[in-house]
Structure formats: structure tokens, C-alpha cells
């Protein structure tokens, strides 16, 4: 399991919970429940990292704190 910050919120527009990983550009997922969004985004994080490795792109180290503070 990676230790990236995950922000989960309800989207009225999508009628779903949205989970975003700010440190990994474009890394997000959704789900009909909070837990489902979290499970889905954990899988997307794995896929994001695998793709970055295949493309020889840098993978940011988790900051372990809010990047907005």
C-alpha cells in the first residue's frame, strides 16, 4: 500500500464519491460509497505507478502531509 494523500468527497454532478490523489497528476476514481471510492482509487494508484514505470516517468515520493497547508 502506498501512502499518498487521498481526498474523498461527494459529487452531486456525478452522483458518486470522488477520490483524488493530488500528488499523482490525473489519478482519481469514483464509487457509489466512500469505501468503494477508496478501494477503487487504491487500484488506480497501482496502475498509475505501473504506467509511469513503463514510460520511464518519475514517480513522486509520498509527502505524508497535506500539500495545501
PDB file of N, CA and C in Angstrom:
ATOM      1  N   UNK A   1       0.845  -1.186   0.000  1.00  0.00           N
ATOM      2  CA  UNK A   1       0.000   0.000   0.000  1.00  0.00           C
ATOM      3  C   UNK A   1       0.886   1.244   0.000  1.00  0.00           C
ATOM      4  N   UNK A   2       0.531   2.185  -0.805  1.00  0.00           N
ATOM      5  CA  UNK A   2       1.261   3.445  -0.894  1.00  0.00           C
ATOM      6  C   UNK A   2       0.660   4.445   0.076  1.00  0.00           C
ATOM      7  N   UNK A   3       1.413   5.456   0.411  1.00  0.00           N
ATOM      8  CA  UNK A   3       0.992   6.415   1.429  1.00  0.00           C
ATOM      9  C   UNK A   3       0.757   7.810   0.859  1.00  0.00           C
ATOM     10  N   UNK A   4       0.087   7.846  -0.258  1.00  0.00           N
ATOM     11  CA  UNK A   4      -0.246   9.134  -0.859  1.00  0.00           C
ATOM     12  C   UNK A   4      -1.508   9.686  -0.212  1.00  0.00           C
ATOM     13  N   UNK A   5      -1.577  11.001  -0.172  1.00  0.00           N
ATOM     14  CA  UNK A   5      -2.777  11.668   0.315  1.00  0.00           C
ATOM     15  C   UNK A   5      -3.927  11.357  -0.636  1.00  0.00           C
ATOM     16  N   UNK A   6      -5.081  11.014  -0.070  1.00  0.00           N
ATOM     17  CA  UNK A   6      -6.294  10.760  -0.853  1.00  0.00           C
ATOM     18  C   UNK A   6      -7.385  11.678  -0.316  1.00  0.00           C
ATOM     19  N   UNK A   7      -7.999  12.426  -1.204  1.00  0.00           N
ATOM     20  CA  UNK A   7      -9.104  13.310  -0.834  1.00  0.00           C
ATOM     21  C   UNK A   7     -10.377  12.704  -1.414  1.00  0.00           C
ATOM     22  N   UNK A   8     -11.356  12.468  -0.545  1.00  0.00           N
ATOM     23  CA  UNK A   8     -12.629  11.868  -0.988  1.00  0.00           C
ATOM     24  C   UNK A   8     -13.756  12.840  -0.672  1.00  0.00           C
ATOM     25  N   UNK A   9     -14.603  13.081  -1.668  1.00  0.00           N
ATOM     26  CA  UNK A   9     -15.735  13.980  -1.477  1.00  0.00           C
ATOM     27  C   UNK A   9     -16.915  13.506  -2.325  1.00  0.00           C
ATOM     28  N   UNK A  10     -18.086  13.964  -1.965  1.00  0.00           N
ATOM     29  CA  UNK A  10     -19.303  13.637  -2.706  1.00  0.00           C
ATOM     30  C   UNK A  10     -19.489  14.634  -3.844  1.00  0.00           C
ATOM     31  N   UNK A  11     -19.800  14.129  -5.029  1.00  0.00           N
ATOM     32  CA  UNK A  11     -20.064  14.982  -6.182  1.00  0.00           C
ATOM     33  C   UNK A  11     -21.536  14.860  -6.558  1.00  0.00           C
ATOM     34  N   UNK A  12     -22.279  15.952  -6.395  1.00  0.00           N
ATOM     35  CA  UNK A  12     -23.683  15.949  -6.818  1.00  0.00           C
ATOM     36  C   UNK A  12     -23.788  15.771  -8.329  1.00  0.00           C
ATOM     37  N   UNK A  13     -22.860  16.371  -9.048  1.00  0.00           N
ATOM     38  CA  UNK A  13     -22.865  16.303 -10.508  1.00  0.00           C
ATOM     39  C   UNK A  13     -22.739  14.855 -10.997  1.00  0.00           C
ATOM     40  N   UNK A  14     -21.869  14.085 -10.337  1.00  0.00           N
ATOM     41  CA  UNK A  14     -21.635  12.693 -10.744  1.00  0.00           C
ATOM     42  C   UNK A  14     -22.466  11.690  -9.960  1.00  0.00           C
ATOM     43  N   UNK A  15     -23.132  12.154  -8.916  1.00  0.00           N
ATOM     44  CA  UNK A  15     -23.876  11.273  -8.008  1.00  0.00           C
ATOM     45  C   UNK A  15     -22.998  10.125  -7.527  1.00  0.00           C
ATOM     46  N   UNK A  16     -21.783  10.490  -7.101  1.00  0.00           N
ATOM     47  CA  UNK A  16     -20.819   9.488  -6.647  1.00  0.00           C
ATOM     48  C   UNK A  16     -19.787  10.156  -5.744  1.00  0.00           C
ATOM     49  N   UNK A  17     -19.097   9.322  -4.973  1.00  0.00           N
ATOM     50  CA  UNK A  17     -17.951   9.794  -4.222  1.00  0.00           C
ATOM     51  C   UNK A  17     -16.761   9.829  -5.172  1.00  0.00           C
ATOM     52  N   UNK A  18     -15.977  10.889  -5.095  1.00  0.00           N
ATOM     53  CA  UNK A  18     -14.784  11.054  -5.928  1.00  0.00           C
ATOM     54  C   UNK A  18     -13.568  10.977  -5.008  1.00  0.00           C
ATOM     55  N   UNK A  19     -12.584  10.181  -5.400  1.00  0.00           N
ATOM     56  CA  UNK A  19     -11.334  10.068  -4.650  1.00  0.00           C
ATOM     57  C   UNK A  19     -10.203  10.563  -5.545  1.00  0.00           C
ATOM     58  N   UNK A  20      -9.500  11.579  -5.075  1.00  0.00           N
ATOM     59  CA  UNK A  20      -8.397  12.163  -5.842  1.00  0.00           C
ATOM     60  C   UNK A  20      -7.077  11.983  -5.096  1.00  0.00           C
ATOM     61  N   UNK A  21      -5.996  11.833  -5.859  1.00  0.00           N
ATOM     62  CA  UNK A  21      -4.647  11.732  -5.305  1.00  0.00           C
ATOM     63  C   UNK A  21      -3.863  12.921  -5.864  1.00  0.00           C
ATOM     64  N   UNK A  22      -3.822  14.043  -5.135  1.00  0.00           N
ATOM     65  CA  UNK A  22      -3.220  15.268  -5.671  1.00  0.00           C
ATOM     66  C   UNK A  22      -1.761  15.124  -6.090  1.00  0.00           C
ATOM     67  N   UNK A  23      -1.011  14.263  -5.438  1.00  0.00           N
ATOM     68  CA  UNK A  23       0.414  14.121  -5.756  1.00  0.00           C
ATOM     69  C   UNK A  23       0.660  13.366  -7.063  1.00  0.00           C
ATOM     70  N   UNK A  24      -0.346  12.644  -7.543  1.00  0.00           N
ATOM     71  CA  UNK A  24      -0.230  11.883  -8.791  1.00  0.00           C
ATOM     72  C   UNK A  24      -1.194  12.491  -9.805  1.00  0.00           C
ATOM     73  N   UNK A  25      -0.669  13.319 -10.681  1.00  0.00           N
ATOM     74  CA  UNK A  25      -1.495  14.074 -11.625  1.00  0.00           C
ATOM     75  C   UNK A  25      -2.447  13.155 -12.391  1.00  0.00           C
ATOM     76  N   UNK A  26      -3.737  13.503 -12.345  1.00  0.00           N
ATOM     77  CA  UNK A  26      -4.746  12.755 -13.086  1.00  0.00           C
ATOM     78  C   UNK A  26      -5.199  11.478 -12.422  1.00  0.00           C
ATOM     79  N   UNK A  27      -4.720  11.208 -11.222  1.00  0.00           N
ATOM     80  CA  UNK A  27      -5.064   9.964 -10.524  1.00  0.00           C
ATOM     81  C   UNK A  27      -6.318  10.192  -9.684  1.00  0.00           C
ATOM     82  N   UNK A  28      -7.425   9.598 -10.122  1.00  0.00           N
ATOM     83  CA  UNK A  28      -8.671   9.705  -9.383  1.00  0.00           C
ATOM     84  C   UNK A  28      -9.586   8.547  -9.742  1.00  0.00           C
ATOM     85  N   UNK A  29     -10.562   8.331  -8.881  1.00  0.00           N
ATOM     86  CA  UNK A  29     -11.531   7.259  -9.095  1.00  0.00           C
ATOM     87  C   UNK A  29     -12.838   7.682  -8.445  1.00  0.00           C
ATOM     88  N   UNK A  30     -13.870   6.897  -8.700  1.00  0.00           N
ATOM     89  CA  UNK A  30     -15.146   7.190  -8.060  1.00  0.00           C
ATOM     90  C   UNK A  30     -15.750   5.905  -7.511  1.00  0.00           C
ATOM     91  N   UNK A  31     -16.858   6.063  -6.810  1.00  0.00           N
ATOM     92  CA  UNK A  31     -17.574   4.919  -6.268  1.00  0.00           C
ATOM     93  C   UNK A  31     -18.918   5.354  -5.729  1.00  0.00           C
ATOM     94  N   UNK A  32     -19.832   4.416  -5.617  1.00  0.00           N
ATOM     95  CA  UNK A  32     -21.162   4.756  -5.108  1.00  0.00           C
ATOM     96  C   UNK A  32     -21.156   4.925  -3.594  1.00  0.00           C
ATOM     97  N   UNK A  33     -20.106   4.425  -2.924  1.00  0.00           N
ATOM     98  CA  UNK A  33     -19.925   4.635  -1.488  1.00  0.00           C
ATOM     99  C   UNK A  33     -18.519   5.165  -1.246  1.00  0.00           C
ATOM    100  N   UNK A  34     -18.315   5.707  -0.062  1.00  0.00           N
ATOM    101  CA  UNK A  34     -16.999   6.214   0.330  1.00  0.00           C
ATOM    102  C   UNK A  34     -15.976   5.086   0.248  1.00  0.00           C
ATOM    103  N   UNK A  35     -16.330   3.939   0.805  1.00  0.00           N
ATOM    104  CA  UNK A  35     -15.421   2.792   0.824  1.00  0.00           C
ATOM    105  C   UNK A  35     -15.102   2.307  -0.591  1.00  0.00           C
ATOM    106  N   UNK A  36     -16.094   2.264  -1.446  1.00  0.00           N
ATOM    107  CA  UNK A  36     -15.869   1.836  -2.833  1.00  0.00           C
ATOM    108  C   UNK A  36     -14.925   2.795  -3.554  1.00  0.00           C
ATOM    109  N   UNK A  37     -15.096   4.087  -3.326  1.00  0.00           N
ATOM    110  CA  UNK A  37     -14.198   5.077  -3.952  1.00  0.00           C
ATOM    111  C   UNK A  37     -12.769   4.872  -3.462  1.00  0.00           C
ATOM    112  N   UNK A  38     -12.600   4.577  -2.170  1.00  0.00           N
ATOM    113  CA  UNK A  38     -11.271   4.343  -1.615  1.00  0.00           C
ATOM    114  C   UNK A  38     -10.636   3.086  -2.211  1.00  0.00           C
ATOM    115  N   UNK A  39     -11.388   2.017  -2.292  1.00  0.00           N
ATOM    116  CA  UNK A  39     -10.878   0.774  -2.885  1.00  0.00           C
ATOM    117  C   UNK A  39     -10.494   1.002  -4.339  1.00  0.00           C
ATOM    118  N   UNK A  40     -11.353   1.699  -5.072  1.00  0.00           N
ATOM    119  CA  UNK A  40     -11.084   1.955  -6.497  1.00  0.00           C
ATOM    120  C   UNK A  40      -9.837   2.815  -6.694  1.00  0.00           C
ATOM    121  N   UNK A  41      -9.672   3.846  -5.863  1.00  0.00           N
ATOM    122  CA  UNK A  41      -8.522   4.724  -6.057  1.00  0.00           C
ATOM    123  C   UNK A  41      -7.225   4.016  -5.668  1.00  0.00           C
ATOM    124  N   UNK A  42      -7.272   3.101  -4.726  1.00  0.00           N
ATOM    125  CA  UNK A  42      -6.071   2.337  -4.384  1.00  0.00           C
ATOM    126  C   UNK A  42      -5.608   1.514  -5.591  1.00  0.00           C
ATOM    127  N   UNK A  43      -6.544   0.957  -6.338  1.00  0.00           N
ATOM    128  CA  UNK A  43      -6.207   0.211  -7.552  1.00  0.00           C
ATOM    129  C   UNK A  43      -5.655   1.157  -8.629  1.00  0.00           C
ATOM    130  N   UNK A  44      -6.260   2.330  -8.747  1.00  0.00           N
ATOM    131  CA  UNK A  44      -5.804   3.292  -9.746  1.00  0.00           C
ATOM    132  C   UNK A  44      -4.398   3.798  -9.414  1.00  0.00           C
ATOM    133  N   UNK A  45      -4.076   3.942  -8.131  1.00  0.00           N
ATOM    134  CA  UNK A  45      -2.718   4.334  -7.743  1.00  0.00           C
ATOM    135  C   UNK A  45      -1.719   3.295  -8.250  1.00  0.00           C
ATOM    136  N   UNK A  46      -2.016   2.024  -8.044  1.00  0.00           N
ATOM    137  CA  UNK A  46      -1.141   0.950  -8.523  1.00  0.00           C
ATOM    138  C   UNK A  46      -0.953   1.040 -10.036  1.00  0.00           C
ATOM    139  N   UNK A  47      -2.049   1.232 -10.754  1.00  0.00           N
ATOM    140  CA  UNK A  47      -1.990   1.327 -12.213  1.00  0.00           C
ATOM    141  C   UNK A  47      -1.216   2.568 -12.658  1.00  0.00           C
ATOM    142  N   UNK A  48      -1.403   3.680 -11.947  1.00  0.00           N
ATOM    143  CA  UNK A  48      -0.695   4.919 -12.274  1.00  0.00           C
ATOM    144  C   UNK A  48       0.804   4.689 -12.160  1.00  0.00           C
ATOM    145  N   UNK A  49       1.225   4.061 -11.073  1.00  0.00           N
ATOM    146  CA  UNK A  49       2.650   3.806 -10.837  1.00  0.00           C
ATOM    147  C   UNK A  49       3.209   2.829 -11.870  1.00  0.00           C
ATOM    148  N   UNK A  50       2.481   1.765 -12.169  1.00  0.00           N
ATOM    149  CA  UNK A  50       2.919   0.804 -13.188  1.00  0.00           C
ATOM    150  C   UNK A  50       3.111   1.489 -14.543  1.00  0.00           C
ATOM    151  N   UNK A  51       2.173   2.340 -14.915  1.00  0.00           N
ATOM    152  CA  UNK A  51       2.262   3.059 -16.190  1.00  0.00           C
ATOM    153  C   UNK A  51       3.454   4.001 -16.194  1.00  0.00           C
ATOM    154  N   UNK A  52       3.667   4.721 -15.096  1.00  0.00           N
ATOM    155  CA  UNK A  52       4.808   5.639 -15.011  1.00  0.00           C
ATOM    156  C   UNK A  52       6.125   4.872 -15.175  1.00  0.00           C
ATOM    157  N   UNK A  53       6.214   3.698 -14.572  1.00  0.00           N
ATOM    158  CA  UNK A  53       7.427   2.877 -14.705  1.00  0.00           C
ATOM    159  C   UNK A  53       7.627   2.456 -16.160  1.00  0.00           C
ATOM    160  N   UNK A  54       6.562   2.016 -16.810  1.00  0.00           N
ATOM    161  CA  UNK A  54       6.656   1.588 -18.205  1.00  0.00           C
ATOM    162  C   UNK A  54       7.110   2.723 -19.124  1.00  0.00           C
ATOM    163  N   UNK A  55       6.689   3.935 -18.797  1.00  0.00           N
ATOM    164  CA  UNK A  55       7.011   5.097 -19.621  1.00  0.00           C
ATOM    165  C   UNK A  55       8.264   5.837 -19.130  1.00  0.00           C
ATOM    166  N   UNK A  56       8.937   5.249 -18.146  1.00  0.00           N
ATOM    167  CA  UNK A  56      10.132   5.866 -17.557  1.00  0.00           C
ATOM    168  C   UNK A  56       9.881   7.287 -17.059  1.00  0.00           C
ATOM    169  N   UNK A  57       8.738   7.482 -16.455  1.00  0.00           N
ATOM    170  CA  UNK A  57       8.394   8.789 -15.888  1.00  0.00           C
ATOM    171  C   UNK A  57       8.673   8.780 -14.387  1.00  0.00           C
ATOM    172  N   UNK A  58       8.967   9.941 -13.817  1.00  0.00           N
ATOM    173  CA  UNK A  58       9.240   9.990 -12.371  1.00  0.00           C
ATOM    174  C   UNK A  58       7.992   9.681 -11.551  1.00  0.00           C
ATOM    175  N   UNK A  59       8.211   9.014 -10.437  1.00  0.00           N
ATOM    176  CA  UNK A  59       7.130   8.695  -9.505  1.00  0.00           C
ATOM    177  C   UNK A  59       7.386   9.497  -8.234  1.00  0.00           C
ATOM    178  N   UNK A  60       6.503  10.434  -7.910  1.00  0.00           N
ATOM    179  CA  UNK A  60       6.724  11.261  -6.719  1.00  0.00           C
ATOM    180  C   UNK A  60       6.713  10.416  -5.440  1.00  0.00           C
ATOM    181  N   UNK A  61       7.574  10.804  -4.503  1.00  0.00           N
ATOM    182  CA  UNK A  61       7.549  10.192  -3.179  1.00  0.00           C
ATOM    183  C   UNK A  61       6.351  10.762  -2.420  1.00  0.00           C
ATOM    184  N   UNK A  62       5.648   9.925  -1.658  1.00  0.00           N
ATOM    185  CA  UNK A  62       4.536  10.454  -0.856  1.00  0.00           C
ATOM    186  C   UNK A  62       5.052  11.510   0.126  1.00  0.00           C
ATOM    187  N   UNK A  63       4.346  12.612   0.229  1.00  0.00           N
ATOM    188  CA  UNK A  63       4.759  13.682   1.129  1.00  0.00           C
ATOM    189  C   UNK A  63       4.328  13.407   2.564  1.00  0.00           C
ATOM    190  N   UNK A  64       3.282  12.611   2.722  1.00  0.00           N
ATOM    191  CA  UNK A  64       2.846  12.261   4.063  1.00  0.00           C
ATOM    192  C   UNK A  64       2.144  13.365   4.818  1.00  0.00           C
ATOM    193  N   UNK A  65       1.780  14.438   4.133  1.00  0.00           N
ATOM    194  CA  UNK A  65       1.058  15.533   4.761  1.00  0.00           C
ATOM    195  C   UNK A  65       0.275  16.270   3.686  1.00  0.00           C
ATOM    196  N   UNK A  66      -0.635  17.096   4.125  1.00  0.00           N
ATOM    197  CA  UNK A  66      -1.411  17.878   3.168  1.00  0.00           C
ATOM    198  C   UNK A  66      -0.490  18.811   2.397  1.00  0.00           C
ATOM    199  N   UNK A  67      -0.629  18.806   1.081  1.00  0.00           N
ATOM    200  CA  UNK A  67       0.212  19.682   0.269  1.00  0.00           C
ATOM    201  C   UNK A  67      -0.356  21.103   0.230  1.00  0.00           C
ATOM    202  N   UNK A  68      -1.555  21.293   0.773  1.00  0.00           N
ATOM    203  CA  UNK A  68      -2.194  22.600   0.736  1.00  0.00           C
ATOM    204  C   UNK A  68      -1.920  23.413   1.989  1.00  0.00           C
ATOM    205  N   UNK A  69      -1.270  22.819   2.968  1.00  0.00           N
ATOM    206  CA  UNK A  69      -1.058  23.506   4.257  1.00  0.00           C
ATOM    207  C   UNK A  69       0.020  24.556   4.127  1.00  0.00           C
TER     208      UNK A  69
END
